[in-house]
N, C-alpha and C. Protein backbone atom coordinates (compact mmCIF):
# COMPACT_ATOMS: atom_id res chain seq x y z
N UNK A 1 -1.52 -31.60 -0.78
CA UNK A 1 -0.68 -30.46 -1.07
C UNK A 1 -0.09 -30.56 -2.47
N UNK A 2 0.30 -31.76 -2.84
CA UNK A 2 0.85 -31.92 -4.19
C UNK A 2 -0.17 -31.53 -5.24
N UNK A 3 -1.44 -31.84 -4.98
CA UNK A 3 -2.49 -31.50 -5.94
C UNK A 3 -2.61 -29.99 -6.09
N UNK A 4 -2.54 -29.27 -4.98
CA UNK A 4 -2.62 -27.80 -5.04
C UNK A 4 -1.40 -27.23 -5.75
N UNK A 5 -0.24 -27.80 -5.51
CA UNK A 5 0.98 -27.34 -6.19
C UNK A 5 0.86 -27.59 -7.69
N UNK A 6 0.32 -28.72 -8.08
CA UNK A 6 0.14 -29.02 -9.50
C UNK A 6 -0.90 -28.10 -10.14
N UNK A 7 -1.96 -27.76 -9.36
CA UNK A 7 -2.96 -26.82 -9.87
C UNK A 7 -2.33 -25.46 -10.14
N UNK A 8 -1.44 -25.04 -9.23
CA UNK A 8 -0.76 -23.76 -9.42
C UNK A 8 0.13 -23.81 -10.65
N UNK A 9 0.88 -24.87 -10.78
CA UNK A 9 1.79 -25.01 -11.92
C UNK A 9 1.03 -25.10 -13.24
N UNK A 10 -0.12 -25.76 -13.23
CA UNK A 10 -0.86 -25.98 -14.46
C UNK A 10 -1.94 -24.95 -14.76
N UNK A 11 -2.12 -23.98 -13.86
CA UNK A 11 -3.17 -22.97 -14.07
C UNK A 11 -2.90 -22.17 -15.34
N UNK A 12 -3.97 -21.90 -16.06
CA UNK A 12 -3.81 -21.20 -17.33
C UNK A 12 -4.06 -19.70 -17.23
N UNK A 13 -4.60 -19.25 -16.13
CA UNK A 13 -4.79 -17.81 -15.98
C UNK A 13 -4.44 -17.37 -14.56
N UNK A 14 -4.30 -16.07 -14.41
CA UNK A 14 -3.85 -15.51 -13.14
C UNK A 14 -4.80 -15.81 -11.99
N UNK A 15 -6.10 -15.79 -12.25
CA UNK A 15 -7.08 -16.04 -11.20
C UNK A 15 -6.95 -17.47 -10.66
N UNK A 16 -6.77 -18.43 -11.55
CA UNK A 16 -6.58 -19.83 -11.13
C UNK A 16 -5.29 -19.97 -10.34
N UNK A 17 -4.24 -19.28 -10.76
CA UNK A 17 -2.96 -19.35 -10.05
C UNK A 17 -3.10 -18.78 -8.64
N UNK A 18 -3.77 -17.63 -8.54
CA UNK A 18 -3.97 -17.02 -7.22
C UNK A 18 -4.76 -17.94 -6.31
N UNK A 19 -5.81 -18.56 -6.84
CA UNK A 19 -6.63 -19.46 -6.03
C UNK A 19 -5.82 -20.66 -5.55
N UNK A 20 -5.04 -21.24 -6.44
CA UNK A 20 -4.22 -22.40 -6.06
C UNK A 20 -3.17 -21.99 -5.03
N UNK A 21 -2.56 -20.81 -5.20
CA UNK A 21 -1.56 -20.33 -4.24
C UNK A 21 -2.21 -20.07 -2.88
N UNK A 22 -3.41 -19.52 -2.88
CA UNK A 22 -4.12 -19.29 -1.61
C UNK A 22 -4.44 -20.61 -0.93
N UNK A 23 -4.80 -21.61 -1.72
CA UNK A 23 -5.05 -22.94 -1.14
C UNK A 23 -3.80 -23.47 -0.44
N UNK A 24 -2.65 -23.31 -1.09
CA UNK A 24 -1.40 -23.75 -0.47
C UNK A 24 -1.10 -22.93 0.79
N UNK A 25 -1.25 -21.62 0.70
CA UNK A 25 -0.97 -20.77 1.86
C UNK A 25 -1.88 -21.12 3.04
N UNK A 26 -3.11 -21.50 2.76
CA UNK A 26 -4.04 -21.83 3.84
C UNK A 26 -3.60 -23.07 4.61
N UNK A 27 -2.71 -23.86 4.02
CA UNK A 27 -2.19 -25.05 4.69
C UNK A 27 -1.03 -24.72 5.63
N UNK A 28 -0.59 -23.47 5.60
CA UNK A 28 0.45 -23.02 6.51
C UNK A 28 1.84 -23.51 6.16
N UNK A 29 2.67 -23.62 7.20
CA UNK A 29 4.08 -23.92 6.98
C UNK A 29 4.33 -25.29 6.32
N UNK A 30 3.38 -26.19 6.42
CA UNK A 30 3.55 -27.50 5.78
C UNK A 30 3.62 -27.38 4.25
N UNK A 31 3.09 -26.29 3.71
CA UNK A 31 3.10 -26.11 2.26
C UNK A 31 4.39 -25.45 1.77
N UNK A 32 5.24 -25.00 2.67
CA UNK A 32 6.45 -24.28 2.26
C UNK A 32 7.36 -25.07 1.33
N UNK A 33 7.62 -26.37 1.55
CA UNK A 33 8.48 -27.08 0.59
C UNK A 33 7.93 -27.05 -0.84
N UNK A 34 6.61 -27.13 -0.98
CA UNK A 34 6.00 -27.09 -2.31
C UNK A 34 6.13 -25.69 -2.91
N UNK A 35 5.90 -24.68 -2.08
CA UNK A 35 6.00 -23.30 -2.57
C UNK A 35 7.43 -22.95 -2.95
N UNK A 36 8.39 -23.41 -2.17
CA UNK A 36 9.80 -23.16 -2.49
C UNK A 36 10.16 -23.82 -3.82
N UNK A 37 9.68 -25.02 -4.03
CA UNK A 37 9.93 -25.69 -5.31
C UNK A 37 9.35 -24.87 -6.47
N UNK A 38 8.18 -24.30 -6.27
CA UNK A 38 7.52 -23.52 -7.32
C UNK A 38 8.23 -22.19 -7.59
N UNK A 39 9.08 -21.76 -6.68
CA UNK A 39 9.86 -20.53 -6.92
C UNK A 39 10.81 -20.70 -8.10
N UNK A 40 11.10 -21.93 -8.46
CA UNK A 40 12.01 -22.21 -9.58
C UNK A 40 11.25 -22.49 -10.89
N UNK A 41 9.94 -22.33 -10.86
CA UNK A 41 9.15 -22.58 -12.06
C UNK A 41 9.54 -21.58 -13.16
N UNK A 42 9.58 -22.02 -14.41
CA UNK A 42 9.94 -21.10 -15.50
C UNK A 42 8.90 -20.00 -15.76
N UNK A 43 7.67 -20.21 -15.32
CA UNK A 43 6.61 -19.21 -15.53
C UNK A 43 6.68 -18.15 -14.44
N UNK A 44 6.92 -16.89 -14.80
CA UNK A 44 7.03 -15.85 -13.77
C UNK A 44 5.74 -15.66 -12.96
N UNK A 45 4.58 -15.91 -13.56
CA UNK A 45 3.33 -15.76 -12.81
C UNK A 45 3.22 -16.82 -11.72
N UNK A 46 3.73 -18.01 -11.98
CA UNK A 46 3.75 -19.06 -10.95
C UNK A 46 4.69 -18.63 -9.83
N UNK A 47 5.84 -18.06 -10.19
CA UNK A 47 6.78 -17.59 -9.16
C UNK A 47 6.14 -16.49 -8.31
N UNK A 48 5.46 -15.53 -8.96
CA UNK A 48 4.80 -14.45 -8.21
C UNK A 48 3.76 -15.04 -7.26
N UNK A 49 2.91 -15.92 -7.75
CA UNK A 49 1.87 -16.51 -6.89
C UNK A 49 2.48 -17.27 -5.72
N UNK A 50 3.57 -17.97 -5.97
CA UNK A 50 4.23 -18.72 -4.90
C UNK A 50 4.83 -17.78 -3.86
N UNK A 51 5.46 -16.72 -4.32
CA UNK A 51 6.04 -15.74 -3.40
C UNK A 51 4.95 -15.11 -2.55
N UNK A 52 3.83 -14.73 -3.16
CA UNK A 52 2.74 -14.11 -2.41
C UNK A 52 2.17 -15.09 -1.37
N UNK A 53 2.07 -16.35 -1.74
CA UNK A 53 1.59 -17.35 -0.78
C UNK A 53 2.54 -17.49 0.40
N UNK A 54 3.85 -17.46 0.12
CA UNK A 54 4.84 -17.52 1.20
C UNK A 54 4.69 -16.32 2.12
N UNK A 55 4.51 -15.15 1.56
CA UNK A 55 4.31 -13.96 2.38
C UNK A 55 3.06 -14.04 3.22
N UNK A 56 2.02 -14.64 2.68
CA UNK A 56 0.76 -14.80 3.41
C UNK A 56 0.93 -15.70 4.62
N UNK A 57 1.81 -16.67 4.52
CA UNK A 57 2.06 -17.58 5.65
C UNK A 57 2.68 -16.83 6.81
N UNK A 58 3.48 -15.81 6.52
CA UNK A 58 4.03 -14.97 7.58
C UNK A 58 5.27 -15.54 8.23
N UNK A 59 5.39 -15.34 9.52
CA UNK A 59 6.59 -15.68 10.29
C UNK A 59 7.12 -17.10 10.05
N UNK A 60 6.28 -18.13 9.98
CA UNK A 60 6.82 -19.47 9.74
C UNK A 60 7.61 -19.57 8.43
N UNK A 61 7.42 -18.63 7.53
CA UNK A 61 8.13 -18.67 6.25
C UNK A 61 9.52 -18.03 6.33
N UNK A 62 9.94 -17.62 7.51
CA UNK A 62 11.27 -17.02 7.66
C UNK A 62 12.36 -17.98 7.21
N UNK A 63 12.09 -19.26 7.27
CA UNK A 63 13.07 -20.26 6.83
C UNK A 63 13.31 -20.19 5.32
N UNK A 64 12.46 -19.50 4.60
CA UNK A 64 12.57 -19.39 3.13
C UNK A 64 13.28 -18.12 2.69
N UNK A 65 13.84 -17.38 3.60
CA UNK A 65 14.42 -16.09 3.26
C UNK A 65 15.49 -16.21 2.19
N UNK A 66 16.34 -17.21 2.27
CA UNK A 66 17.41 -17.37 1.27
C UNK A 66 16.82 -17.58 -0.12
N UNK A 67 15.81 -18.42 -0.22
CA UNK A 67 15.19 -18.68 -1.52
C UNK A 67 14.51 -17.44 -2.07
N UNK A 68 13.85 -16.68 -1.17
CA UNK A 68 13.22 -15.44 -1.60
C UNK A 68 14.26 -14.42 -2.06
N UNK A 69 15.33 -14.30 -1.29
CA UNK A 69 16.37 -13.33 -1.63
C UNK A 69 16.97 -13.61 -3.00
N UNK A 70 17.09 -14.87 -3.36
CA UNK A 70 17.63 -15.22 -4.67
C UNK A 70 16.76 -14.65 -5.80
N UNK A 71 15.47 -14.50 -5.54
CA UNK A 71 14.57 -13.99 -6.56
C UNK A 71 14.64 -12.47 -6.70
N UNK A 72 15.40 -11.82 -5.86
CA UNK A 72 15.58 -10.37 -6.03
C UNK A 72 16.37 -10.06 -7.30
N UNK A 73 16.98 -11.10 -7.88
CA UNK A 73 17.70 -10.94 -9.16
C UNK A 73 16.88 -11.49 -10.33
N UNK A 74 15.61 -11.82 -10.08
CA UNK A 74 14.74 -12.34 -11.13
C UNK A 74 14.60 -11.28 -12.24
N UNK A 75 14.57 -11.69 -13.50
CA UNK A 75 14.45 -10.73 -14.58
C UNK A 75 13.09 -10.02 -14.65
N UNK A 76 12.09 -10.53 -13.93
CA UNK A 76 10.75 -9.94 -13.98
C UNK A 76 10.50 -9.05 -12.76
N UNK A 77 10.14 -7.81 -13.04
CA UNK A 77 9.86 -6.83 -11.98
C UNK A 77 8.78 -7.32 -11.03
N UNK A 78 7.74 -7.96 -11.58
CA UNK A 78 6.63 -8.43 -10.75
C UNK A 78 7.10 -9.43 -9.70
N UNK A 79 8.05 -10.27 -10.07
CA UNK A 79 8.60 -11.25 -9.12
C UNK A 79 9.38 -10.52 -8.04
N UNK A 80 10.22 -9.60 -8.43
CA UNK A 80 11.03 -8.86 -7.44
C UNK A 80 10.14 -8.06 -6.49
N UNK A 81 9.10 -7.42 -7.03
CA UNK A 81 8.17 -6.65 -6.18
C UNK A 81 7.45 -7.57 -5.20
N UNK A 82 7.04 -8.75 -5.66
CA UNK A 82 6.36 -9.71 -4.78
C UNK A 82 7.30 -10.16 -3.66
N UNK A 83 8.57 -10.36 -3.99
CA UNK A 83 9.54 -10.78 -2.97
C UNK A 83 9.67 -9.70 -1.90
N UNK A 84 9.78 -8.47 -2.31
CA UNK A 84 9.90 -7.38 -1.31
C UNK A 84 8.69 -7.36 -0.38
N UNK A 85 7.50 -7.53 -0.95
CA UNK A 85 6.29 -7.56 -0.13
C UNK A 85 6.32 -8.76 0.82
N UNK A 86 6.66 -9.94 0.30
CA UNK A 86 6.64 -11.16 1.11
C UNK A 86 7.61 -11.08 2.27
N UNK A 87 8.81 -10.60 2.02
CA UNK A 87 9.80 -10.49 3.10
C UNK A 87 9.29 -9.52 4.16
N UNK A 88 8.66 -8.44 3.72
CA UNK A 88 8.06 -7.51 4.69
C UNK A 88 6.99 -8.17 5.53
N UNK A 89 6.19 -9.04 4.94
CA UNK A 89 5.15 -9.74 5.68
C UNK A 89 5.74 -10.71 6.69
N UNK A 90 6.74 -11.43 6.26
CA UNK A 90 7.37 -12.43 7.14
C UNK A 90 7.97 -11.74 8.36
N UNK A 91 8.69 -10.67 8.16
CA UNK A 91 9.37 -10.03 9.27
C UNK A 91 8.50 -9.04 10.01
N UNK A 92 7.48 -8.48 9.38
CA UNK A 92 6.54 -7.63 10.10
C UNK A 92 5.78 -8.47 11.10
N UNK A 93 5.29 -9.63 10.67
CA UNK A 93 4.58 -10.52 11.58
C UNK A 93 5.46 -10.92 12.76
N UNK A 94 6.73 -11.22 12.49
CA UNK A 94 7.66 -11.62 13.54
C UNK A 94 7.83 -10.51 14.57
N UNK A 95 8.02 -9.28 14.10
CA UNK A 95 8.20 -8.15 15.02
C UNK A 95 6.93 -7.89 15.81
N UNK A 96 5.77 -8.00 15.17
CA UNK A 96 4.51 -7.80 15.89
C UNK A 96 4.36 -8.83 17.00
N UNK A 97 4.75 -10.06 16.74
CA UNK A 97 4.66 -11.11 17.76
C UNK A 97 5.61 -10.82 18.92
N UNK A 98 6.81 -10.33 18.60
CA UNK A 98 7.76 -9.99 19.66
C UNK A 98 7.21 -8.88 20.55
N UNK A 99 6.63 -7.87 19.93
CA UNK A 99 6.08 -6.74 20.69
C UNK A 99 4.91 -7.23 21.56
N UNK A 100 4.03 -8.05 20.99
CA UNK A 100 2.90 -8.56 21.75
C UNK A 100 3.37 -9.42 22.93
N UNK A 101 4.41 -10.21 22.74
CA UNK A 101 4.92 -11.08 23.79
C UNK A 101 5.58 -10.27 24.91
N UNK A 102 6.12 -9.11 24.58
CA UNK A 102 6.81 -8.31 25.60
C UNK A 102 5.85 -7.49 26.44
N UNK A 103 4.58 -7.39 26.03
CA UNK A 103 3.61 -6.60 26.80
C UNK A 103 2.89 -7.43 27.81
């Protein structure tokens, strides 16, 4: 996981960042500590990729809500937009699971 996090941090273009973030997301909730750490990266593209990976993880990422919410004040629109999407994914998945469980 550390290697994937370092690949994301060191990626030189958006495609490499997306691929590294997807690799982390594919590891599920175990990758959340690494992704949360990357939310503080000075590069806004790394923050966007990390946020999108957290959203991809879905409901298990609900524990990251506070960290995501802090990025709603990020100076970059792309980061704020990614946060809104990710929070929607985390809580949409949760509600879908509740509905499925009640049927």
